[in-house]
């Protein structure tokens, strides 16, 4: 079975890489920071609290490698911005997963409720 891929500006990235990238709360925080505006790596690092610069840099690399953010270099500075087009295909997958998981959760809750009801024989 062919692997699903996300189309970014420059290349195709396996969907698993994009899903793994957004699995981390820290990376989602960084993604929100660069969603509407381009930010420098230093600005991102100063905003993300309780995390070392190398950890921020590593998270930026994961997001960039997954195709979810773009990087622009200007001299010694690097600027990052979300690639909203790359996130589009994820929306469909996440909605499907959410719906399926909610359906399953509903089934489990109903089974548990039936199991707790006293039997009337």
N, C-alpha and C. Protein backbone atom coordinates (compact mmCIF):
# COMPACT_ATOMS: atom_id res chain seq x y z
N UNK A 1 0.84 -1.18 0.00
CA UNK A 1 0.00 0.00 0.00
C UNK A 1 0.89 1.24 0.00
N UNK A 2 0.66 2.20 -0.88
CA UNK A 2 1.50 3.39 -0.93
C UNK A 2 1.29 4.25 0.32
N UNK A 3 2.35 4.89 0.75
CA UNK A 3 2.29 5.75 1.92
C UNK A 3 1.67 7.09 1.54
N UNK A 4 0.84 7.61 2.42
CA UNK A 4 0.25 8.92 2.19
C UNK A 4 1.34 9.97 2.33
N UNK A 5 1.24 11.02 1.54
CA UNK A 5 2.24 12.06 1.59
C UNK A 5 1.58 13.43 1.66
N UNK A 6 2.31 14.35 2.27
CA UNK A 6 1.88 15.74 2.35
C UNK A 6 2.69 16.50 1.32
N UNK A 7 2.01 17.32 0.55
CA UNK A 7 2.68 18.12 -0.47
C UNK A 7 3.10 19.45 0.15
N UNK A 8 4.39 19.74 0.16
CA UNK A 8 4.88 21.02 0.64
C UNK A 8 5.27 21.86 -0.56
N UNK A 9 5.79 23.02 -0.32
CA UNK A 9 6.18 23.90 -1.42
C UNK A 9 7.21 23.25 -2.33
N UNK A 10 8.17 22.55 -1.75
CA UNK A 10 9.30 22.05 -2.52
C UNK A 10 9.34 20.54 -2.72
N UNK A 11 8.64 19.80 -1.89
CA UNK A 11 8.77 18.34 -1.96
C UNK A 11 7.60 17.67 -1.28
N UNK A 12 7.56 16.36 -1.43
CA UNK A 12 6.54 15.56 -0.74
C UNK A 12 7.17 14.96 0.51
N UNK A 13 6.41 14.95 1.59
CA UNK A 13 6.87 14.43 2.87
C UNK A 13 5.88 13.36 3.31
N UNK A 14 6.37 12.21 3.81
CA UNK A 14 5.43 11.20 4.30
C UNK A 14 4.52 11.79 5.39
N UNK A 15 3.26 11.42 5.33
CA UNK A 15 2.29 11.90 6.29
C UNK A 15 2.71 11.57 7.72
N UNK A 16 3.35 10.43 7.90
CA UNK A 16 3.79 10.03 9.24
C UNK A 16 4.74 11.06 9.84
N UNK A 17 5.62 11.64 9.01
CA UNK A 17 6.57 12.64 9.50
C UNK A 17 5.82 13.89 9.98
N UNK A 18 4.82 14.29 9.24
CA UNK A 18 4.03 15.46 9.63
C UNK A 18 3.24 15.17 10.91
N UNK A 19 2.66 13.99 11.01
CA UNK A 19 1.90 13.62 12.20
C UNK A 19 2.81 13.55 13.42
N UNK A 20 3.98 12.97 13.23
CA UNK A 20 4.94 12.89 14.34
C UNK A 20 5.37 14.28 14.77
N UNK A 21 5.55 15.18 13.82
CA UNK A 21 5.98 16.53 14.14
C UNK A 21 4.96 17.25 15.01
N UNK A 22 3.67 17.08 14.72
CA UNK A 22 2.66 17.80 15.50
C UNK A 22 2.23 17.03 16.75
N UNK A 23 2.79 15.85 16.95
CA UNK A 23 2.46 15.07 18.15
C UNK A 23 3.01 15.72 19.42
N UNK A 24 4.07 16.47 19.29
CA UNK A 24 4.71 17.10 20.45
C UNK A 24 4.03 18.42 20.80
N UNK A 25 3.62 18.59 22.05
CA UNK A 25 3.02 19.87 22.47
C UNK A 25 3.97 21.05 22.24
N UNK A 26 5.24 20.84 22.44
CA UNK A 26 6.23 21.91 22.25
C UNK A 26 6.27 22.33 20.78
N UNK A 27 6.25 21.36 19.86
CA UNK A 27 6.28 21.70 18.44
C UNK A 27 4.97 22.37 18.02
N UNK A 28 3.87 21.95 18.61
CA UNK A 28 2.60 22.64 18.30
C UNK A 28 2.65 24.08 18.80
N UNK A 29 3.29 24.31 19.93
CA UNK A 29 3.45 25.67 20.45
C UNK A 29 4.28 26.51 19.47
N UNK A 30 5.36 25.94 18.99
CA UNK A 30 6.21 26.65 18.03
C UNK A 30 5.43 26.90 16.74
N UNK A 31 4.68 25.92 16.29
CA UNK A 31 3.89 26.08 15.07
C UNK A 31 2.89 27.22 15.22
N UNK A 32 2.25 27.33 16.39
CA UNK A 32 1.32 28.43 16.63
C UNK A 32 2.05 29.78 16.58
N UNK A 33 3.28 29.82 17.09
CA UNK A 33 4.05 31.07 17.08
C UNK A 33 4.34 31.57 15.67
N UNK A 34 4.55 30.64 14.75
CA UNK A 34 4.92 31.02 13.38
C UNK A 34 3.75 30.88 12.42
N UNK A 35 2.55 30.70 12.96
CA UNK A 35 1.38 30.48 12.11
C UNK A 35 1.05 31.72 11.28
N UNK A 36 1.00 32.86 11.90
CA UNK A 36 0.57 34.05 11.20
C UNK A 36 1.68 34.99 10.78
N UNK A 37 2.87 34.77 11.29
CA UNK A 37 3.96 35.68 11.00
C UNK A 37 5.30 34.97 11.03
N UNK A 38 6.21 35.47 10.27
CA UNK A 38 7.57 34.92 10.26
C UNK A 38 8.29 35.39 11.52
N UNK A 39 9.01 34.48 12.17
CA UNK A 39 9.74 34.82 13.38
C UNK A 39 11.16 34.28 13.30
N UNK A 40 12.06 34.99 13.92
CA UNK A 40 13.45 34.54 13.96
C UNK A 40 13.59 33.39 14.96
N UNK A 41 14.62 32.60 14.78
CA UNK A 41 14.88 31.50 15.70
C UNK A 41 15.07 32.02 17.12
N UNK A 42 15.76 33.14 17.26
CA UNK A 42 15.98 33.74 18.58
C UNK A 42 14.68 34.17 19.23
N UNK A 43 13.80 34.76 18.45
CA UNK A 43 12.50 35.19 18.98
C UNK A 43 11.68 33.99 19.43
N UNK A 44 11.72 32.93 18.65
CA UNK A 44 11.00 31.70 19.02
C UNK A 44 11.57 31.14 20.31
N UNK A 45 12.90 31.06 20.39
CA UNK A 45 13.55 30.50 21.57
C UNK A 45 13.25 31.33 22.82
N UNK A 46 13.16 32.65 22.68
CA UNK A 46 12.88 33.48 23.85
C UNK A 46 11.43 33.37 24.29
N UNK A 47 10.56 32.97 23.40
CA UNK A 47 9.13 32.84 23.73
C UNK A 47 8.83 31.49 24.37
N UNK A 48 9.54 30.46 23.94
CA UNK A 48 9.30 29.11 24.45
C UNK A 48 10.05 28.97 25.78
N UNK A 49 9.32 28.95 26.86
CA UNK A 49 9.90 28.93 28.20
C UNK A 49 10.35 27.53 28.61
N UNK A 50 11.27 27.48 29.55
CA UNK A 50 11.72 26.23 30.17
C UNK A 50 12.30 25.22 29.19
N UNK A 51 12.83 25.70 28.08
CA UNK A 51 13.44 24.80 27.10
C UNK A 51 14.76 25.42 26.65
N UNK A 52 15.77 24.61 26.52
CA UNK A 52 17.08 25.10 26.11
C UNK A 52 17.07 25.48 24.62
N UNK A 53 18.03 26.31 24.25
CA UNK A 53 18.16 26.70 22.85
C UNK A 53 18.36 25.47 21.95
N UNK A 54 19.24 24.50 22.33
CA UNK A 54 19.38 23.31 21.48
C UNK A 54 18.07 22.54 21.30
N UNK A 55 17.24 22.49 22.34
CA UNK A 55 15.95 21.79 22.23
C UNK A 55 15.02 22.52 21.27
N UNK A 56 15.00 23.85 21.33
CA UNK A 56 14.18 24.63 20.40
C UNK A 56 14.68 24.40 18.98
N UNK A 57 16.00 24.44 18.81
CA UNK A 57 16.60 24.24 17.49
C UNK A 57 16.23 22.86 16.93
N UNK A 58 16.27 21.85 17.78
CA UNK A 58 15.92 20.49 17.35
C UNK A 58 14.45 20.43 16.93
N UNK A 59 13.57 21.06 17.70
CA UNK A 59 12.15 21.07 17.35
C UNK A 59 11.90 21.81 16.05
N UNK A 60 12.62 22.91 15.84
CA UNK A 60 12.49 23.63 14.57
C UNK A 60 12.93 22.75 13.41
N UNK A 61 13.99 21.98 13.61
CA UNK A 61 14.48 21.09 12.56
C UNK A 61 13.45 20.02 12.22
N UNK A 62 12.83 19.45 13.24
CA UNK A 62 11.79 18.43 13.00
C UNK A 62 10.63 19.03 12.21
N UNK A 63 10.19 20.21 12.60
CA UNK A 63 9.09 20.87 11.90
C UNK A 63 9.48 21.20 10.46
N UNK A 64 10.71 21.65 10.27
CA UNK A 64 11.17 21.98 8.93
C UNK A 64 11.29 20.72 8.08
N UNK A 65 11.89 19.66 8.64
CA UNK A 65 12.05 18.41 7.90
C UNK A 65 10.72 17.78 7.54
N UNK A 66 9.71 18.02 8.36
CA UNK A 66 8.38 17.47 8.09
C UNK A 66 7.65 18.31 7.04
N UNK A 67 8.20 19.46 6.71
CA UNK A 67 7.58 20.32 5.70
C UNK A 67 6.52 21.26 6.25
N UNK A 68 6.37 21.30 7.57
CA UNK A 68 5.31 22.12 8.15
C UNK A 68 5.71 23.58 8.34
N UNK A 69 7.00 23.85 8.36
CA UNK A 69 7.46 25.23 8.41
C UNK A 69 8.53 25.43 7.34
N UNK A 70 8.68 26.67 6.95
CA UNK A 70 9.74 27.02 5.99
C UNK A 70 10.79 27.84 6.73
N UNK A 71 11.99 27.81 6.19
CA UNK A 71 13.10 28.56 6.78
C UNK A 71 13.66 29.51 5.73
N UNK A 72 13.90 30.74 6.17
CA UNK A 72 14.54 31.72 5.30
C UNK A 72 15.77 32.23 6.02
N UNK A 73 16.88 32.21 5.32
CA UNK A 73 18.13 32.70 5.92
C UNK A 73 18.42 34.10 5.42
N UNK A 74 18.84 34.92 6.36
CA UNK A 74 19.27 36.28 6.02
C UNK A 74 20.52 36.55 6.86
N UNK A 75 21.66 36.49 6.21
CA UNK A 75 22.92 36.62 6.93
C UNK A 75 23.07 35.45 7.89
N UNK A 76 23.29 35.76 9.16
CA UNK A 76 23.45 34.70 10.15
C UNK A 76 22.13 34.37 10.85
N UNK A 77 21.05 35.03 10.45
CA UNK A 77 19.75 34.81 11.07
C UNK A 77 18.89 33.85 10.25
N UNK A 78 18.06 33.12 10.95
CA UNK A 78 17.10 32.23 10.30
C UNK A 78 15.70 32.62 10.74
N UNK A 79 14.81 32.64 9.77
CA UNK A 79 13.43 33.02 10.03
C UNK A 79 12.52 31.87 9.62
N UNK A 80 11.50 31.64 10.44
CA UNK A 80 10.60 30.51 10.22
C UNK A 80 9.17 30.98 10.10
N UNK A 81 8.42 30.25 9.28
CA UNK A 81 7.00 30.54 9.09
C UNK A 81 6.27 29.22 8.78
N UNK A 82 5.04 29.09 9.25
CA UNK A 82 4.25 27.89 8.97
C UNK A 82 3.93 27.82 7.49
N UNK A 83 4.00 26.61 6.95
CA UNK A 83 3.57 26.37 5.57
C UNK A 83 2.15 25.83 5.65
N UNK A 84 1.19 26.72 5.60
CA UNK A 84 -0.22 26.34 5.78
C UNK A 84 -0.69 25.34 4.72
N UNK A 85 -0.12 25.43 3.54
CA UNK A 85 -0.52 24.49 2.49
C UNK A 85 -0.16 23.05 2.86
N UNK A 86 0.95 22.87 3.56
CA UNK A 86 1.36 21.53 3.97
C UNK A 86 0.44 20.97 5.04
N UNK A 87 -0.19 21.85 5.81
CA UNK A 87 -1.08 21.40 6.88
C UNK A 87 -2.46 21.01 6.38
N UNK A 88 -2.82 21.43 5.18
CA UNK A 88 -4.14 21.14 4.63
C UNK A 88 -4.50 19.66 4.63
N UNK A 89 -3.66 18.77 4.05
CA UNK A 89 -3.99 17.35 4.05
C UNK A 89 -4.10 16.74 5.44
N UNK A 90 -3.41 17.33 6.40
CA UNK A 90 -3.49 16.81 7.76
C UNK A 90 -4.88 17.01 8.35
N UNK A 91 -5.55 18.07 7.96
CA UNK A 91 -6.87 18.35 8.50
C UNK A 91 -7.82 17.19 8.23
N UNK A 92 -7.80 16.67 7.01
CA UNK A 92 -8.69 15.57 6.64
C UNK A 92 -8.38 14.34 7.49
N UNK A 93 -7.10 14.01 7.60
CA UNK A 93 -6.69 12.83 8.38
C UNK A 93 -7.06 12.99 9.84
N UNK A 94 -6.79 14.16 10.41
CA UNK A 94 -7.10 14.39 11.83
C UNK A 94 -8.59 14.34 12.08
N UNK A 95 -9.39 14.90 11.17
CA UNK A 95 -10.85 14.84 11.34
C UNK A 95 -11.35 13.39 11.30
N UNK A 96 -10.79 12.60 10.38
CA UNK A 96 -11.19 11.19 10.29
C UNK A 96 -10.82 10.44 11.57
N UNK A 97 -9.60 10.69 12.05
CA UNK A 97 -9.17 10.03 13.28
C UNK A 97 -10.05 10.45 14.45
N UNK A 98 -10.32 11.74 14.55
CA UNK A 98 -11.14 12.27 15.64
C UNK A 98 -12.52 11.65 15.61
N UNK A 99 -13.16 11.61 14.46
CA UNK A 99 -14.49 11.05 14.33
C UNK A 99 -14.49 9.57 14.69
N UNK A 100 -13.53 8.82 14.16
CA UNK A 100 -13.45 7.39 14.46
C UNK A 100 -13.24 7.16 15.95
N UNK A 101 -12.33 7.94 16.55
CA UNK A 101 -12.04 7.77 17.97
C UNK A 101 -13.24 8.16 18.83
N UNK A 102 -13.96 9.21 18.44
CA UNK A 102 -15.15 9.59 19.19
C UNK A 102 -16.23 8.52 19.09
N UNK A 103 -16.39 7.94 17.90
CA UNK A 103 -17.36 6.87 17.74
C UNK A 103 -17.01 5.69 18.64
N UNK A 104 -15.73 5.33 18.68
CA UNK A 104 -15.29 4.21 19.51
C UNK A 104 -15.47 4.54 20.99
N UNK A 105 -15.16 5.76 21.39
CA UNK A 105 -15.33 6.17 22.78
C UNK A 105 -16.81 6.09 23.18
N UNK A 106 -17.69 6.49 22.29
CA UNK A 106 -19.13 6.41 22.54
C UNK A 106 -19.55 4.95 22.74
N UNK A 107 -19.06 4.07 21.89
CA UNK A 107 -19.37 2.65 22.02
C UNK A 107 -18.91 2.10 23.36
N UNK A 108 -17.69 2.45 23.76
CA UNK A 108 -17.15 1.96 25.04
C UNK A 108 -17.95 2.50 26.22
N UNK A 109 -18.34 3.76 26.17
CA UNK A 109 -19.14 4.35 27.25
C UNK A 109 -20.50 3.66 27.35
N UNK A 110 -21.11 3.38 26.21
CA UNK A 110 -22.40 2.70 26.22
C UNK A 110 -22.27 1.28 26.76
N UNK A 111 -21.20 0.58 26.39
CA UNK A 111 -20.97 -0.78 26.91
C UNK A 111 -20.79 -0.74 28.42
N UNK A 112 -20.02 0.23 28.91
CA UNK A 112 -19.80 0.34 30.35
C UNK A 112 -21.09 0.67 31.08
N UNK A 113 -21.89 1.55 30.51
CA UNK A 113 -23.17 1.91 31.13
C UNK A 113 -24.09 0.69 31.21
N UNK A 114 -24.13 -0.10 30.13
CA UNK A 114 -24.96 -1.32 30.15
C UNK A 114 -24.45 -2.31 31.20
N UNK A 115 -23.14 -2.42 31.33
CA UNK A 115 -22.56 -3.36 32.29
C UNK A 115 -22.84 -2.94 33.73
N UNK A 116 -23.00 -1.68 33.99
CA UNK A 116 -23.23 -1.18 35.36
C UNK A 116 -24.70 -1.24 35.76
N UNK A 117 -25.60 -1.34 34.79
CA UNK A 117 -27.02 -1.37 35.12
C UNK A 117 -27.34 -2.66 35.86
N UNK A 118 -28.15 -2.54 36.89
CA UNK A 118 -28.56 -3.77 37.59
C UNK A 118 -29.47 -4.62 36.68
N UNK A 119 -29.27 -5.90 36.76
CA UNK A 119 -30.10 -6.81 35.96
C UNK A 119 -31.45 -6.99 36.64
N UNK A 120 -32.47 -7.05 35.82
CA UNK A 120 -33.83 -7.27 36.33
C UNK A 120 -34.31 -8.58 35.75
N UNK A 121 -34.19 -9.59 36.54
CA UNK A 121 -34.61 -10.93 36.06
C UNK A 121 -35.98 -11.28 36.51
